[in-house]
C-alpha atoms as a PDB file:
ATOM      1  CA  UNK A   1     103.291  85.123 -80.018  1.00  0.00           C
ATOM      2  CA  UNK A   2     103.856  85.652 -76.330  1.00  0.00           C
ATOM      3  CA  UNK A   3     107.375  86.205 -75.223  1.00  0.00           C
ATOM      4  CA  UNK A   4     108.500  84.802 -71.884  1.00  0.00           C
ATOM      5  CA  UNK A   5     111.234  86.792 -70.299  1.00  0.00           C
ATOM      6  CA  UNK A   6     114.030  84.908 -68.599  1.00  0.00           C
ATOM      7  CA  UNK A   7     114.248  85.270 -64.845  1.00  0.00           C
ATOM      8  CA  UNK A   8     110.514  85.608 -64.354  1.00  0.00           C
ATOM      9  CA  UNK A   9     109.704  81.862 -63.891  1.00  0.00           C
ATOM     10  CA  UNK A  10     109.325  80.869 -60.195  1.00  0.00           C
ATOM     11  CA  UNK A  11     110.233  77.447 -58.665  1.00  0.00           C
ATOM     12  CA  UNK A  12     109.634  75.869 -55.208  1.00  0.00           C
ATOM     13  CA  UNK A  13     112.362  73.246 -55.458  1.00  0.00           C
ATOM     14  CA  UNK A  14     114.603  74.885 -52.820  1.00  0.00           C
ATOM     15  CA  UNK A  15     111.780  75.197 -50.306  1.00  0.00           C
ATOM     16  CA  UNK A  16     110.731  71.572 -50.811  1.00  0.00           C
ATOM     17  CA  UNK A  17     114.304  70.467 -50.260  1.00  0.00           C
ATOM     18  CA  UNK A  18     114.550  72.385 -46.985  1.00  0.00           C
ATOM     19  CA  UNK A  19     111.238  70.953 -45.767  1.00  0.00           C
ATOM     20  CA  UNK A  20     112.394  67.443 -46.604  1.00  0.00           C
ATOM     21  CA  UNK A  21     115.619  67.986 -44.669  1.00  0.00           C
ATOM     22  CA  UNK A  22     113.689  69.271 -41.663  1.00  0.00           C
ATOM     23  CA  UNK A  23     111.371  66.236 -41.713  1.00  0.00           C
ATOM     24  CA  UNK A  24     114.359  63.904 -42.050  1.00  0.00           C
ATOM     25  CA  UNK A  25     116.136  65.562 -39.104  1.00  0.00           C
ATOM     26  CA  UNK A  26     112.959  65.273 -37.020  1.00  0.00           C
ATOM     27  CA  UNK A  27     112.717  61.550 -37.810  1.00  0.00           C
ATOM     28  CA  UNK A  28     116.370  61.070 -36.843  1.00  0.00           C
ATOM     29  CA  UNK A  29     115.891  62.909 -33.538  1.00  0.00           C
ATOM     30  CA  UNK A  30     112.758  60.881 -32.702  1.00  0.00           C
ATOM     31  CA  UNK A  31     114.491  57.627 -33.631  1.00  0.00           C
ATOM     32  CA  UNK A  32     117.504  58.521 -31.482  1.00  0.00           C
ATOM     33  CA  UNK A  33     115.235  59.337 -28.522  1.00  0.00           C
ATOM     34  CA  UNK A  34     113.358  56.055 -28.907  1.00  0.00           C
ATOM     35  CA  UNK A  35     116.637  54.152 -29.176  1.00  0.00           C
ATOM     36  CA  UNK A  36     117.887  55.803 -25.972  1.00  0.00           C
ATOM     37  CA  UNK A  37     114.675  54.886 -24.149  1.00  0.00           C
ATOM     38  CA  UNK A  38     114.899  51.266 -25.340  1.00  0.00           C
ATOM     39  CA  UNK A  39     118.570  50.985 -24.374  1.00  0.00           C
ATOM     40  CA  UNK A  40     117.924  52.565 -20.985  1.00  0.00           C
ATOM     41  CA  UNK A  41     115.076  50.128 -20.300  1.00  0.00           C
ATOM     42  CA  UNK A  42     117.327  47.268 -21.361  1.00  0.00           C
ATOM     43  CA  UNK A  43     120.097  48.350 -18.977  1.00  0.00           C
ATOM     44  CA  UNK A  44     117.566  48.757 -16.154  1.00  0.00           C
ATOM     45  CA  UNK A  45     116.103  45.303 -16.803  1.00  0.00           C
ATOM     46  CA  UNK A  46     119.577  43.778 -16.925  1.00  0.00           C
ATOM     47  CA  UNK A  47     120.514  45.389 -13.602  1.00  0.00           C
ATOM     48  CA  UNK A  48     117.316  44.148 -11.955  1.00  0.00           C
ATOM     49  CA  UNK A  49     117.923  40.652 -13.330  1.00  0.00           C
ATOM     50  CA  UNK A  50     121.494  40.732 -11.999  1.00  0.00           C
ATOM     51  CA  UNK A  51     120.284  41.821  -8.561  1.00  0.00           C
ATOM     52  CA  UNK A  52     117.646  39.077  -8.528  1.00  0.00           C
ATOM     53  CA  UNK A  53     120.187  36.430  -9.549  1.00  0.00           C
ATOM     54  CA  UNK A  54     122.647  37.503  -6.842  1.00  0.00           C
ATOM     55  CA  UNK A  55     119.885  37.459  -4.212  1.00  0.00           C
ATOM     56  CA  UNK A  56     118.723  34.022  -5.370  1.00  0.00           C
ATOM     57  CA  UNK A  57     122.257  32.630  -5.189  1.00  0.00           C
ATOM     58  CA  UNK A  58     122.677  34.024  -1.666  1.00  0.00           C
ATOM     59  CA  UNK A  59     119.396  32.477  -0.543  1.00  0.00           C
ATOM     60  CA  UNK A  60     120.158  29.139  -2.209  1.00  0.00           C
ATOM     61  CA  UNK A  61     123.475  28.684  -0.431  1.00  0.00           C
ATOM     62  CA  UNK A  62     124.216  28.635   3.284  1.00  0.00           C
ATOM     63  CA  UNK A  63     126.148  31.514   4.818  1.00  0.00           C
ATOM     64  CA  UNK A  64     127.949  29.029   7.103  1.00  0.00           C
ATOM     65  CA  UNK A  65     130.289  26.125   6.463  1.00  0.00           C
ATOM     66  CA  UNK A  66     132.084  23.508   8.555  1.00  0.00           C
ATOM     67  CA  UNK A  67     135.623  24.737   9.228  1.00  0.00           C
ATOM     68  CA  UNK A  68     137.373  21.585  10.427  1.00  0.00           C
ATOM     69  CA  UNK A  69     136.754  18.244  12.079  1.00  0.00           C
ATOM     70  CA  UNK A  70     133.716  17.542  14.219  1.00  0.00           C
ATOM     71  CA  UNK A  71     134.579  16.079  17.613  1.00  0.00           C
ATOM     72  CA  UNK A  72     132.583  14.507  20.426  1.00  0.00           C
ATOM     73  CA  UNK A  73     133.033  13.716  24.117  1.00  0.00           C
ATOM     74  CA  UNK A  74     131.901  10.186  24.923  1.00  0.00           C
ATOM     75  CA  UNK A  75     131.018   7.996  27.871  1.00  0.00           C
ATOM     76  CA  UNK A  76     132.925   4.858  26.870  1.00  0.00           C
ATOM     77  CA  UNK A  77     131.366   2.536  29.449  1.00  0.00           C
ATOM     78  CA  UNK A  78     127.837   3.375  28.287  1.00  0.00           C
ATOM     79  CA  UNK A  79     128.851   3.561  24.599  1.00  0.00           C
ATOM     80  CA  UNK A  80     127.184   6.969  24.086  1.00  0.00           C
ATOM     81  CA  UNK A  81     128.122  10.559  23.243  1.00  0.00           C
ATOM     82  CA  UNK A  82     127.710  13.210  25.931  1.00  0.00           C
ATOM     83  CA  UNK A  83     128.434  16.215  23.723  1.00  0.00           C
ATOM     84  CA  UNK A  84     129.575  17.288  20.243  1.00  0.00           C
ATOM     85  CA  UNK A  85     131.395  20.312  18.831  1.00  0.00           C
ATOM     86  CA  UNK A  86     131.255  21.601  15.231  1.00  0.00           C
ATOM     87  CA  UNK A  87     133.677  24.315  13.982  1.00  0.00           C
ATOM     88  CA  UNK A  88     131.996  26.904  11.729  1.00  0.00           C
ATOM     89  CA  UNK A  89     132.827  30.061   9.779  1.00  0.00           C
ATOM     90  CA  UNK A  90     131.352  32.305   7.082  1.00  0.00           C
ATOM     91  CA  UNK A  91     131.624  30.878   3.568  1.00  0.00           C
ATOM     92  CA  UNK A  92     134.060  32.559   1.194  1.00  0.00           C
ATOM     93  CA  UNK A  93     132.458  35.762  -0.084  1.00  0.00           C
ATOM     94  CA  UNK A  94     129.489  35.329   2.263  1.00  0.00           C
ATOM     95  CA  UNK A  95     127.753  37.954   4.358  1.00  0.00           C
ATOM     96  CA  UNK A  96     128.079  38.314   8.131  1.00  0.00           C
ATOM     97  CA  UNK A  97     125.516  36.379  10.164  1.00  0.00           C
ATOM     98  CA  UNK A  98     123.763  37.257  13.415  1.00  0.00           C
ATOM     99  CA  UNK A  99     124.036  34.286  15.792  1.00  0.00           C
ATOM    100  CA  UNK A 100     121.695  35.737  18.398  1.00  0.00           C
ATOM    101  CA  UNK A 101     119.054  33.249  19.498  1.00  0.00           C
ATOM    102  CA  UNK A 102     116.322  35.518  18.124  1.00  0.00           C
ATOM    103  CA  UNK A 103     117.673  35.071  14.599  1.00  0.00           C
ATOM    104  CA  UNK A 104     119.435  31.701  14.570  1.00  0.00           C
ATOM    105  CA  UNK A 105     118.120  28.246  15.444  1.00  0.00           C
ATOM    106  CA  UNK A 106     119.673  24.781  15.734  1.00  0.00           C
ATOM    107  CA  UNK A 107     117.753  21.627  14.903  1.00  0.00           C
ATOM    108  CA  UNK A 108     119.024  18.158  15.801  1.00  0.00           C
ATOM    109  CA  UNK A 109     117.885  14.727  14.664  1.00  0.00           C
ATOM    110  CA  UNK A 110     119.115  11.293  15.733  1.00  0.00           C
ATOM    111  CA  UNK A 111     117.657   7.831  15.400  1.00  0.00           C
ATOM    112  CA  UNK A 112     115.647   8.442  18.573  1.00  0.00           C
ATOM    113  CA  UNK A 113     115.012  12.181  18.903  1.00  0.00           C
ATOM    114  CA  UNK A 114     114.110  15.249  16.873  1.00  0.00           C
ATOM    115  CA  UNK A 115     114.196  18.783  18.320  1.00  0.00           C
ATOM    116  CA  UNK A 116     113.364  21.791  16.158  1.00  0.00           C
ATOM    117  CA  UNK A 117     115.425  24.233  18.211  1.00  0.00           C
ATOM    118  CA  UNK A 118     117.888  23.411  20.996  1.00  0.00           C
ATOM    119  CA  UNK A 119     119.596  26.820  20.717  1.00  0.00           C
ATOM    120  CA  UNK A 120     117.667  28.518  23.513  1.00  0.00           C
ATOM    121  CA  UNK A 121     120.461  30.512  25.170  1.00  0.00           C
ATOM    122  CA  UNK A 122     122.460  32.021  22.311  1.00  0.00           C
ATOM    123  CA  UNK A 123     126.203  32.575  21.849  1.00  0.00           C
ATOM    124  CA  UNK A 124     128.942  33.162  24.401  1.00  0.00           C
ATOM    125  CA  UNK A 125     130.023  36.455  22.854  1.00  0.00           C
ATOM    126  CA  UNK A 126     132.396  37.636  25.594  1.00  0.00           C
ATOM    127  CA  UNK A 127     135.905  36.740  24.462  1.00  0.00           C
ATOM    128  CA  UNK A 128     137.135  33.513  22.895  1.00  0.00           C
ATOM    129  CA  UNK A 129     137.710  30.029  24.282  1.00  0.00           C
ATOM    130  CA  UNK A 130     140.459  27.466  23.707  1.00  0.00           C
ATOM    131  CA  UNK A 131     138.164  24.445  23.768  1.00  0.00           C
ATOM    132  CA  UNK A 132     134.670  23.218  24.582  1.00  0.00           C
ATOM    133  CA  UNK A 133     135.565  22.558  28.225  1.00  0.00           C
ATOM    134  CA  UNK A 134     136.320  26.261  28.776  1.00  0.00           C
ATOM    135  CA  UNK A 135     133.127  27.244  26.969  1.00  0.00           C
ATOM    136  CA  UNK A 136     130.920  24.977  29.076  1.00  0.00           C
ATOM    137  CA  UNK A 137     132.749  26.231  32.194  1.00  0.00           C
ATOM    138  CA  UNK A 138     131.694  29.760  31.190  1.00  0.00           C
ATOM    139  CA  UNK A 139     128.123  28.632  30.458  1.00  0.00           C
ATOM    140  CA  UNK A 140     127.919  27.272  34.015  1.00  0.00           C
ATOM    141  CA  UNK A 141     129.338  30.424  35.616  1.00  0.00           C
ATOM    142  CA  UNK A 142     128.520  34.131  35.948  1.00  0.00           C
ATOM    143  CA  UNK A 143     127.248  35.996  33.938  1.00  0.00           C
ATOM    144  CA  UNK A 144     125.572  33.199  31.981  1.00  0.00           C
ATOM    145  CA  UNK A 145     124.495  30.550  34.539  1.00  0.00           C
ATOM    146  CA  UNK A 146     122.838  28.577  31.749  1.00  0.00           C
ATOM    147  CA  UNK A 147     123.587  25.290  33.520  1.00  0.00           C
ATOM    148  CA  UNK A 148     124.890  24.444  36.962  1.00  0.00           C
ATOM    149  CA  UNK A 149     128.472  23.198  37.423  1.00  0.00           C
ATOM    150  CA  UNK A 150     127.039  19.801  38.324  1.00  0.00           C
ATOM    151  CA  UNK A 151     125.368  19.663  34.888  1.00  0.00           C
ATOM    152  CA  UNK A 152     128.600  20.314  32.988  1.00  0.00           C
ATOM    153  CA  UNK A 153     128.583  17.752  30.115  1.00  0.00           C
ATOM    154  CA  UNK A 154     132.289  16.926  30.629  1.00  0.00           C
ATOM    155  CA  UNK A 155     132.902  17.176  34.374  1.00  0.00           C
ATOM    156  CA  UNK A 156     129.470  17.363  36.005  1.00  0.00           C
ATOM    157  CA  UNK A 157     127.991  14.764  38.335  1.00  0.00           C
ATOM    158  CA  UNK A 158     124.383  15.402  37.274  1.00  0.00           C
ATOM    159  CA  UNK A 159     122.665  15.078  33.926  1.00  0.00           C
ATOM    160  CA  UNK A 160     122.114  17.969  31.547  1.00  0.00           C
ATOM    161  CA  UNK A 161     118.432  18.895  32.062  1.00  0.00           C
ATOM    162  CA  UNK A 162     117.652  18.896  28.351  1.00  0.00           C
ATOM    163  CA  UNK A 163     119.557  18.634  25.096  1.00  0.00           C
ATOM    164  CA  UNK A 164     120.878  22.112  24.422  1.00  0.00           C
ATOM    165  CA  UNK A 165     123.298  23.995  22.182  1.00  0.00           C
ATOM    166  CA  UNK A 166     125.588  26.969  22.646  1.00  0.00           C
ATOM    167  CA  UNK A 167     127.926  28.760  20.257  1.00  0.00           C
ATOM    168  CA  UNK A 168     131.306  30.057  21.371  1.00  0.00           C
ATOM    169  CA  UNK A 169     134.068  31.928  19.582  1.00  0.00           C
ATOM    170  CA  UNK A 170     137.526  30.520  18.981  1.00  0.00           C
ATOM    171  CA  UNK A 171     138.486  33.623  16.960  1.00  0.00           C
ATOM    172  CA  UNK A 172     136.633  36.721  18.192  1.00  0.00           C
ATOM    173  CA  UNK A 173     137.288  40.154  16.691  1.00  0.00           C
ATOM    174  CA  UNK A 174     134.632  42.404  18.225  1.00  0.00           C
ATOM    175  CA  UNK A 175     132.748  40.750  21.125  1.00  0.00           C
ATOM    176  CA  UNK A 176     129.235  40.809  19.676  1.00  0.00           C
ATOM    177  CA  UNK A 177     126.754  38.256  18.357  1.00  0.00           C
ATOM    178  CA  UNK A 178     127.658  38.875  14.689  1.00  0.00           C
ATOM    179  CA  UNK A 179     129.850  36.252  13.019  1.00  0.00           C
ATOM    180  CA  UNK A 180     132.062  38.139  10.574  1.00  0.00           C
ATOM    181  CA  UNK A 181     134.543  37.002   7.964  1.00  0.00           C
ATOM    182  CA  UNK A 182     137.768  36.124   9.775  1.00  0.00           C
ATOM    183  CA  UNK A 183     135.978  34.919  12.914  1.00  0.00           C
ATOM    184  CA  UNK A 184     135.502  31.257  13.874  1.00  0.00           C
ATOM    185  CA  UNK A 185     132.948  29.677  16.179  1.00  0.00           C
ATOM    186  CA  UNK A 186     132.070  26.266  17.553  1.00  0.00           C
ATOM    187  CA  UNK A 187     128.562  24.865  17.813  1.00  0.00           C
ATOM    188  CA  UNK A 188     128.589  22.854  21.051  1.00  0.00           C
ATOM    189  CA  UNK A 189     125.721  20.467  21.846  1.00  0.00           C
ATOM    190  CA  UNK A 190     125.216  18.741  25.207  1.00  0.00           C
ATOM    191  CA  UNK A 191     122.830  15.777  25.187  1.00  0.00           C
ATOM    192  CA  UNK A 192     120.318  15.002  27.907  1.00  0.00           C
ATOM    193  CA  UNK A 193     120.769  11.584  29.527  1.00  0.00           C
ATOM    194  CA  UNK A 194     118.085   9.798  27.483  1.00  0.00           C
ATOM    195  CA  UNK A 195     118.980  11.609  24.239  1.00  0.00           C
ATOM    196  CA  UNK A 196     122.627  10.554  23.981  1.00  0.00           C
ATOM    197  CA  UNK A 197     123.403   8.911  20.611  1.00  0.00           C
ATOM    198  CA  UNK A 198     125.150   5.530  20.707  1.00  0.00           C
ATOM    199  CA  UNK A 199     127.588   3.827  18.360  1.00  0.00           C
ATOM    200  CA  UNK A 200     126.406   3.477  14.736  1.00  0.00           C
ATOM    201  CA  UNK A 201     123.533   5.901  15.272  1.00  0.00           C
ATOM    202  CA  UNK A 202     122.907   8.727  12.803  1.00  0.00           C
ATOM    203  CA  UNK A 203     123.136  12.354  13.960  1.00  0.00           C
ATOM    204  CA  UNK A 204     122.150  15.443  11.931  1.00  0.00           C
ATOM    205  CA  UNK A 205     122.532  19.114  12.872  1.00  0.00           C
ATOM    206  CA  UNK A 206     120.776  21.939  11.002  1.00  0.00           C
ATOM    207  CA  UNK A 207     121.755  25.560  11.653  1.00  0.00           C
ATOM    208  CA  UNK A 208     119.330  28.168  10.279  1.00  0.00           C
ATOM    209  CA  UNK A 209     120.561  31.773  10.041  1.00  0.00           C
ATOM    210  CA  UNK A 210     118.857  35.016   8.891  1.00  0.00           C
ATOM    211  CA  UNK A 211     120.484  34.824   5.445  1.00  0.00           C
ATOM    212  CA  UNK A 212     120.838  31.876   3.116  1.00  0.00           C
ATOM    213  CA  UNK A 213     119.811  28.250   3.340  1.00  0.00           C
ATOM    214  CA  UNK A 214     120.341  26.228   6.541  1.00  0.00           C
ATOM    215  CA  UNK A 215     123.711  24.536   7.049  1.00  0.00           C
ATOM    216  CA  UNK A 216     123.098  20.807   7.427  1.00  0.00           C
ATOM    217  CA  UNK A 217     125.677  18.357   8.784  1.00  0.00           C
ATOM    218  CA  UNK A 218     125.204  14.571   8.913  1.00  0.00           C
ATOM    219  CA  UNK A 219     127.390  12.039  10.697  1.00  0.00           C
ATOM    220  CA  UNK A 220     127.228   8.414  11.832  1.00  0.00           C
ATOM    221  CA  UNK A 221     128.669   7.724  15.274  1.00  0.00           C
ATOM    222  CA  UNK A 222     131.589   5.263  14.980  1.00  0.00           C
ATOM    223  CA  UNK A 223     132.406   2.548  17.490  1.00  0.00           C
ATOM    224  CA  UNK A 224     133.197   4.390  20.722  1.00  0.00           C
ATOM    225  CA  UNK A 225     136.540   3.350  22.186  1.00  0.00           C
ATOM    226  CA  UNK A 226     137.883   6.669  23.548  1.00  0.00           C
ATOM    227  CA  UNK A 227     136.576   9.635  25.506  1.00  0.00           C
ATOM    228  CA  UNK A 228     137.308  11.926  22.525  1.00  0.00           C
ATOM    229  CA  UNK A 229     135.661  10.758  19.287  1.00  0.00           C
ATOM    230  CA  UNK A 230     136.566  12.078  15.830  1.00  0.00           C
ATOM    231  CA  UNK A 231     133.371  12.363  13.766  1.00  0.00           C
ATOM    232  CA  UNK A 232     135.199  13.616  10.671  1.00  0.00           C
END
């Protein structure tokens, strides 16, 4: 009979246990790395989606809004409007807008006319003006000379050569062509003799800026009984 001495039997259980632990740790490390990659890609995708949504919202909405009542200067005897003035500002939370004629355009439509861009001169960016009369005075004088004094839509003796628009500041913070938050401007339109809208006619203005959708304003001319007409 063979005798087996104690202490001479060998086992690999400890080694197998260590190998299993190493494999398990490796799986955990790989899983953690993959989870980090997935989470990082998710955060990146979410950020890109957020940026795209913000950009889409900015493009969908106009950067400008009407900031008060629209007024007009009328020729009562002929029952027509000579000029209009629309107060504008940057929408709440909106971005600044460049009102230079190279970046901004003004379209106008009435029952009888349609012009794609009557904003050929640009803004009066030197200082601010109390009213449209002062602004048109400046447009007819040095350094602008955009019209002659005789073609002034309020006081001139001759007709405006063509329907045209200017923009002037009523609140001006930095004397440039950029409309910033806190600044206010007026879009002033002078109508040529044959383009003047009469009572009960429809008038639409569309201001297109570098950012956002165009600002569109629609009004119907009421019965003209005074030189100054409130268009609402």
